[in-house]
Protein backbone atom coordinates (compact mmCIF):
# COMPACT_ATOMS: atom_id res chain seq x y z
CA UNK A 1 0.00 0.00 0.00
CA UNK A 2 1.24 3.53 -0.79
CA UNK A 3 1.18 5.74 2.29
CA UNK A 4 1.73 9.51 2.19
CA UNK A 5 2.72 11.31 5.40
CA UNK A 6 1.61 14.92 5.74
CA UNK A 7 4.24 17.55 6.45
CA UNK A 8 3.04 17.84 10.06
CA UNK A 9 4.45 14.36 10.78
CA UNK A 10 8.10 13.44 11.38
CA UNK A 11 9.98 11.53 8.67
CA UNK A 12 10.94 8.96 11.33
CA UNK A 13 7.34 7.75 11.33
CA UNK A 14 7.96 6.13 7.93
CA UNK A 15 10.36 3.66 9.57
CA UNK A 16 7.65 2.22 11.81
CA UNK A 17 5.21 1.55 8.96
CA UNK A 18 6.57 -1.75 7.61
CA UNK A 19 5.34 -3.45 4.46
CA UNK A 20 4.16 -0.24 2.81
CA UNK A 21 5.70 2.23 0.36
CA UNK A 22 5.85 5.36 2.52
CA UNK A 23 6.56 8.81 1.12
CA UNK A 24 6.35 12.27 2.63
CA UNK A 25 4.89 15.54 1.42
CA UNK A 26 8.34 17.11 1.77
CA UNK A 27 10.00 14.25 -0.09
CA UNK A 28 7.68 14.80 -3.04
CA UNK A 29 8.52 18.51 -3.06
CA UNK A 30 5.03 19.53 -1.97
CA UNK A 31 5.87 21.26 1.34
CA UNK A 32 3.67 24.29 1.90
CA UNK A 33 0.94 23.09 -0.48
CA UNK A 34 -2.53 23.91 0.88
CA UNK A 35 -4.84 21.01 1.77
CA UNK A 36 -7.13 21.24 -1.25
CA UNK A 37 -4.29 21.22 -3.78
CA UNK A 38 -2.38 18.66 -1.73
CA UNK A 39 -5.28 16.22 -1.70
CA UNK A 40 -5.70 16.57 -5.48
CA UNK A 41 -2.01 15.84 -6.05
CA UNK A 42 -2.06 12.93 -3.61
CA UNK A 43 -4.72 11.12 -5.63
CA UNK A 44 -2.18 9.55 -7.94
CA UNK A 45 0.50 9.09 -5.31
CA UNK A 46 -1.11 7.26 -2.39
CA UNK A 47 -3.70 4.82 -1.14
CA UNK A 48 -3.68 6.32 2.37
CA UNK A 49 -2.91 9.87 3.50
CA UNK A 50 -1.80 10.20 7.15
CA UNK A 51 -2.04 13.56 8.93
CA UNK A 52 -2.38 15.22 12.33
CA UNK A 53 -4.72 17.87 10.90
CA UNK A 54 -7.82 17.10 12.94
CA UNK A 55 -9.89 19.62 10.99
CA UNK A 56 -9.15 18.27 7.52
CA UNK A 57 -12.52 16.58 7.14
CA UNK A 58 -14.31 19.83 8.01
CA UNK A 59 -12.19 21.86 5.59
CA UNK A 60 -12.24 19.49 2.62
CA UNK A 61 -14.70 17.15 0.89
CA UNK A 62 -13.06 13.78 1.47
CA UNK A 63 -15.91 11.48 0.43
CA UNK A 64 -14.90 11.22 -3.22
CA UNK A 65 -11.16 10.93 -2.70
CA UNK A 66 -9.43 7.98 -4.40
CA UNK A 67 -7.64 7.18 -1.11
CA UNK A 68 -8.36 6.93 2.61
CA UNK A 69 -7.31 9.39 5.30
CA UNK A 70 -5.98 8.53 8.75
CA UNK A 71 -5.93 11.35 11.31
CA UNK A 72 -3.60 10.93 14.27
CA UNK A 73 -4.39 12.51 17.62
CA UNK A 74 -1.40 12.88 19.94
CA UNK A 75 0.00 15.41 22.39
CA UNK A 76 2.56 16.46 19.77
CA UNK A 77 4.17 15.23 16.57
CA UNK A 78 7.29 14.03 18.42
CA UNK A 79 7.99 10.32 17.98
CA UNK A 80 7.78 9.82 21.76
CA UNK A 81 4.16 11.04 21.67
CA UNK A 82 3.33 9.12 18.48
CA UNK A 83 4.79 5.80 19.67
CA UNK A 84 1.70 4.69 21.69
CA UNK A 85 -0.52 5.34 18.65
CA UNK A 86 1.49 3.25 16.18
CA UNK A 87 -0.39 -0.08 16.64
CA UNK A 88 -3.73 1.66 15.99
CA UNK A 89 -2.17 3.60 13.11
CA UNK A 90 -1.02 0.40 11.41
CA UNK A 91 -4.46 -1.14 11.84
CA UNK A 92 -6.14 1.97 10.42
CA UNK A 93 -3.78 2.10 7.42
CA UNK A 94 -4.70 -1.50 6.61
CA UNK A 95 -8.42 -0.96 7.00
CA UNK A 96 -9.31 2.52 5.78
CA UNK A 97 -11.37 2.65 2.60
CA UNK A 98 -11.47 5.12 -0.28
CA UNK A 99 -12.93 8.44 0.84
CA UNK A 100 -13.05 7.23 4.44
CA UNK A 101 -11.52 8.97 7.46
CA UNK A 102 -10.21 6.97 10.40
CA UNK A 103 -9.05 8.62 13.61
CA UNK A 104 -6.49 7.08 15.93
CA UNK A 105 -4.94 8.20 19.20
CA UNK A 106 -6.04 10.69 21.76
CA UNK A 107 -8.03 13.82 21.04
CA UNK A 108 -6.18 17.11 21.02
CA UNK A 109 -7.13 19.27 24.01
CA UNK A 110 -10.70 20.47 23.72
CA UNK A 111 -11.71 17.77 21.21
CA UNK A 112 -13.46 15.23 23.42
CA UNK A 113 -15.55 13.93 20.52
CA UNK A 114 -12.46 12.56 18.75
CA UNK A 115 -13.14 8.90 17.85
CA UNK A 116 -10.62 6.10 17.53
CA UNK A 117 -10.40 3.51 14.74
CA UNK A 118 -12.16 0.21 15.27
C-alpha cells in the first residue's frame, strides 16, 4: 500500500510503517501546499494519506477521494508522543477505505468527541 505522510508528521514515522511504500509531502517537493491542492495531487501518489490535521474533514470534501485518510491525535508530533498510537495507526492504514476517514490516538485538548479507529 502507498502511504503519504503529511508535512506535520516526522519523517521517522515512515520507519515504523513496515510493508508499505511510505513517502512524505516534503520528499515529493510539496511542502507548503494547501490542503485542497495537496489532496488533489495525492490522488495519484497514495492509497492512504496520514495527517495530524484534525480539521481536515471539516475543511475538505473527502468522500470522493481515491484514497483513505488517517488522522492521528497525539499530544505532539514528536515520535515519543506518536509511539503509543502506532499499533492503531497500522491497523487503520490497513483498514481505511477510499474516501473514508479513520481517527487514531487521543483527542487534542478540547476535542473530546475525537473517535478512535475500530
